[in-house]
C-alpha atoms as a PDB file:
ATOM      1  CA  UNK A   1      23.031  80.669 137.735  1.00  0.00           C
ATOM      2  CA  UNK A   2      26.432  79.031 136.932  1.00  0.00           C
ATOM      3  CA  UNK A   3      25.268  76.688 134.150  1.00  0.00           C
ATOM      4  CA  UNK A   4      22.600  76.336 131.523  1.00  0.00           C
ATOM      5  CA  UNK A   5      21.370  72.989 130.178  1.00  0.00           C
ATOM      6  CA  UNK A   6      18.261  71.085 129.150  1.00  0.00           C
ATOM      7  CA  UNK A   7      16.971  68.742 131.866  1.00  0.00           C
ATOM      8  CA  UNK A   8      17.526  65.070 131.097  1.00  0.00           C
ATOM      9  CA  UNK A   9      14.503  62.807 131.024  1.00  0.00           C
ATOM     10  CA  UNK A  10      13.683  61.522 134.344  1.00  0.00           C
ATOM     11  CA  UNK A  11      15.800  63.986 136.221  1.00  0.00           C
ATOM     12  CA  UNK A  12      14.525  66.276 139.012  1.00  0.00           C
ATOM     13  CA  UNK A  13      13.789  69.683 138.225  1.00  0.00           C
ATOM     14  CA  UNK A  14      12.594  72.457 140.465  1.00  0.00           C
ATOM     15  CA  UNK A  15      10.679  75.739 140.075  1.00  0.00           C
ATOM     16  CA  UNK A  16       9.971  78.884 141.854  1.00  0.00           C
ATOM     17  CA  UNK A  17       6.478  80.244 141.045  1.00  0.00           C
ATOM     18  CA  UNK A  18       5.053  83.465 142.345  1.00  0.00           C
ATOM     19  CA  UNK A  19       1.951  81.804 143.838  1.00  0.00           C
ATOM     20  CA  UNK A  20       3.137  78.195 144.316  1.00  0.00           C
ATOM     21  CA  UNK A  21       6.657  78.859 145.875  1.00  0.00           C
ATOM     22  CA  UNK A  22       9.402  76.472 145.525  1.00  0.00           C
ATOM     23  CA  UNK A  23       8.421  72.963 144.336  1.00  0.00           C
ATOM     24  CA  UNK A  24      10.151  69.985 142.487  1.00  0.00           C
ATOM     25  CA  UNK A  25       9.166  66.952 140.290  1.00  0.00           C
ATOM     26  CA  UNK A  26      10.752  64.872 137.607  1.00  0.00           C
ATOM     27  CA  UNK A  27      10.762  65.425 133.763  1.00  0.00           C
ATOM     28  CA  UNK A  28       8.556  62.981 132.071  1.00  0.00           C
ATOM     29  CA  UNK A  29       8.633  63.946 128.477  1.00  0.00           C
ATOM     30  CA  UNK A  30       9.915  66.716 126.143  1.00  0.00           C
ATOM     31  CA  UNK A  31       6.860  66.688 123.872  1.00  0.00           C
ATOM     32  CA  UNK A  32       3.056  66.745 124.475  1.00  0.00           C
ATOM     33  CA  UNK A  33       0.109  66.064 122.304  1.00  0.00           C
ATOM     34  CA  UNK A  34      -2.645  68.584 122.855  1.00  0.00           C
ATOM     35  CA  UNK A  35      -5.727  68.862 120.872  1.00  0.00           C
ATOM     36  CA  UNK A  36      -4.402  66.374 118.322  1.00  0.00           C
ATOM     37  CA  UNK A  37      -1.119  68.362 117.712  1.00  0.00           C
ATOM     38  CA  UNK A  38       2.446  67.205 118.854  1.00  0.00           C
ATOM     39  CA  UNK A  39       4.373  69.952 120.428  1.00  0.00           C
ATOM     40  CA  UNK A  40       8.021  69.592 121.353  1.00  0.00           C
ATOM     41  CA  UNK A  41      10.358  71.939 123.261  1.00  0.00           C
ATOM     42  CA  UNK A  42       8.066  71.857 126.256  1.00  0.00           C
ATOM     43  CA  UNK A  43       9.273  69.655 129.095  1.00  0.00           C
ATOM     44  CA  UNK A  44       6.487  67.919 130.987  1.00  0.00           C
ATOM     45  CA  UNK A  45       6.749  67.101 134.571  1.00  0.00           C
ATOM     46  CA  UNK A  46       5.351  63.954 136.367  1.00  0.00           C
ATOM     47  CA  UNK A  47       3.168  66.056 138.689  1.00  0.00           C
ATOM     48  CA  UNK A  48       1.475  69.444 138.509  1.00  0.00           C
ATOM     49  CA  UNK A  49       3.622  71.412 140.788  1.00  0.00           C
ATOM     50  CA  UNK A  50       2.678  74.872 139.679  1.00  0.00           C
ATOM     51  CA  UNK A  51      -0.471  77.071 139.948  1.00  0.00           C
ATOM     52  CA  UNK A  52      -2.022  80.016 138.067  1.00  0.00           C
ATOM     53  CA  UNK A  53       0.324  83.140 138.175  1.00  0.00           C
ATOM     54  CA  UNK A  54       3.609  81.155 138.021  1.00  0.00           C
ATOM     55  CA  UNK A  55       4.123  81.760 134.286  1.00  0.00           C
ATOM     56  CA  UNK A  56       7.511  82.947 133.242  1.00  0.00           C
ATOM     57  CA  UNK A  57       9.034  81.780 136.556  1.00  0.00           C
ATOM     58  CA  UNK A  58      12.410  79.787 136.509  1.00  0.00           C
ATOM     59  CA  UNK A  59      13.006  76.086 136.345  1.00  0.00           C
ATOM     60  CA  UNK A  60      16.313  74.953 137.576  1.00  0.00           C
ATOM     61  CA  UNK A  61      18.299  72.214 139.584  1.00  0.00           C
ATOM     62  CA  UNK A  62      20.770  73.696 142.033  1.00  0.00           C
ATOM     63  CA  UNK A  63      22.634  76.496 140.039  1.00  0.00           C
ATOM     64  CA  UNK A  64      21.708  75.154 136.515  1.00  0.00           C
ATOM     65  CA  UNK A  65      18.944  76.854 134.728  1.00  0.00           C
ATOM     66  CA  UNK A  66      16.609  74.396 132.878  1.00  0.00           C
ATOM     67  CA  UNK A  67      13.751  76.531 131.534  1.00  0.00           C
ATOM     68  CA  UNK A  68      10.814  78.989 132.183  1.00  0.00           C
ATOM     69  CA  UNK A  69       7.332  78.022 133.364  1.00  0.00           C
ATOM     70  CA  UNK A  70       4.877  77.854 130.591  1.00  0.00           C
ATOM     71  CA  UNK A  71       1.635  76.292 132.083  1.00  0.00           C
ATOM     72  CA  UNK A  72       0.136  73.126 133.380  1.00  0.00           C
ATOM     73  CA  UNK A  73      -2.663  70.656 132.994  1.00  0.00           C
ATOM     74  CA  UNK A  74      -4.205  71.342 136.246  1.00  0.00           C
ATOM     75  CA  UNK A  75      -3.645  68.377 138.636  1.00  0.00           C
ATOM     76  CA  UNK A  76      -1.698  66.351 136.100  1.00  0.00           C
ATOM     77  CA  UNK A  77       1.501  67.921 134.918  1.00  0.00           C
ATOM     78  CA  UNK A  78       3.517  71.263 134.658  1.00  0.00           C
ATOM     79  CA  UNK A  79       5.063  72.482 131.507  1.00  0.00           C
ATOM     80  CA  UNK A  80       8.222  74.490 130.883  1.00  0.00           C
ATOM     81  CA  UNK A  81      10.019  75.725 127.973  1.00  0.00           C
ATOM     82  CA  UNK A  82      13.504  74.037 127.580  1.00  0.00           C
ATOM     83  CA  UNK A  83      16.351  76.436 128.194  1.00  0.00           C
ATOM     84  CA  UNK A  84      17.902  75.636 124.875  1.00  0.00           C
ATOM     85  CA  UNK A  85      15.050  77.353 123.083  1.00  0.00           C
ATOM     86  CA  UNK A  86      15.651  80.653 124.744  1.00  0.00           C
ATOM     87  CA  UNK A  87      18.874  81.124 122.665  1.00  0.00           C
ATOM     88  CA  UNK A  88      17.513  79.310 119.492  1.00  0.00           C
ATOM     89  CA  UNK A  89      14.125  81.050 119.427  1.00  0.00           C
ATOM     90  CA  UNK A  90      14.659  84.292 121.332  1.00  0.00           C
ATOM     91  CA  UNK A  91      18.274  85.080 120.617  1.00  0.00           C
ATOM     92  CA  UNK A  92      18.734  85.479 124.328  1.00  0.00           C
ATOM     93  CA  UNK A  93      21.018  84.232 127.057  1.00  0.00           C
ATOM     94  CA  UNK A  94      20.897  83.455 130.696  1.00  0.00           C
ATOM     95  CA  UNK A  95      23.343  85.414 132.756  1.00  0.00           C
ATOM     96  CA  UNK A  96      25.839  83.066 134.491  1.00  0.00           C
ATOM     97  CA  UNK A  97      28.120  83.978 137.393  1.00  0.00           C
END
């Protein structure tokens, strides 16, 4: 990767999953309500473009890291942790060339 940045709402973002391969969608939201609780920091895509076994895989656009795969609502949307949370919550960085 040559850059790191959160994906803007509505932008295209792609991922590579161990089981689903390379697929893309658009970012629909940066928060989601699940079981009555509002969670932010997870980006939500317009379509479910992932499958079981993809967790932890990269989300990106071109050479820009966007996040890490976190899950999905089967047939509805995929979720990924925003790249800014890697540094803020894990005290880690994404190597850039």
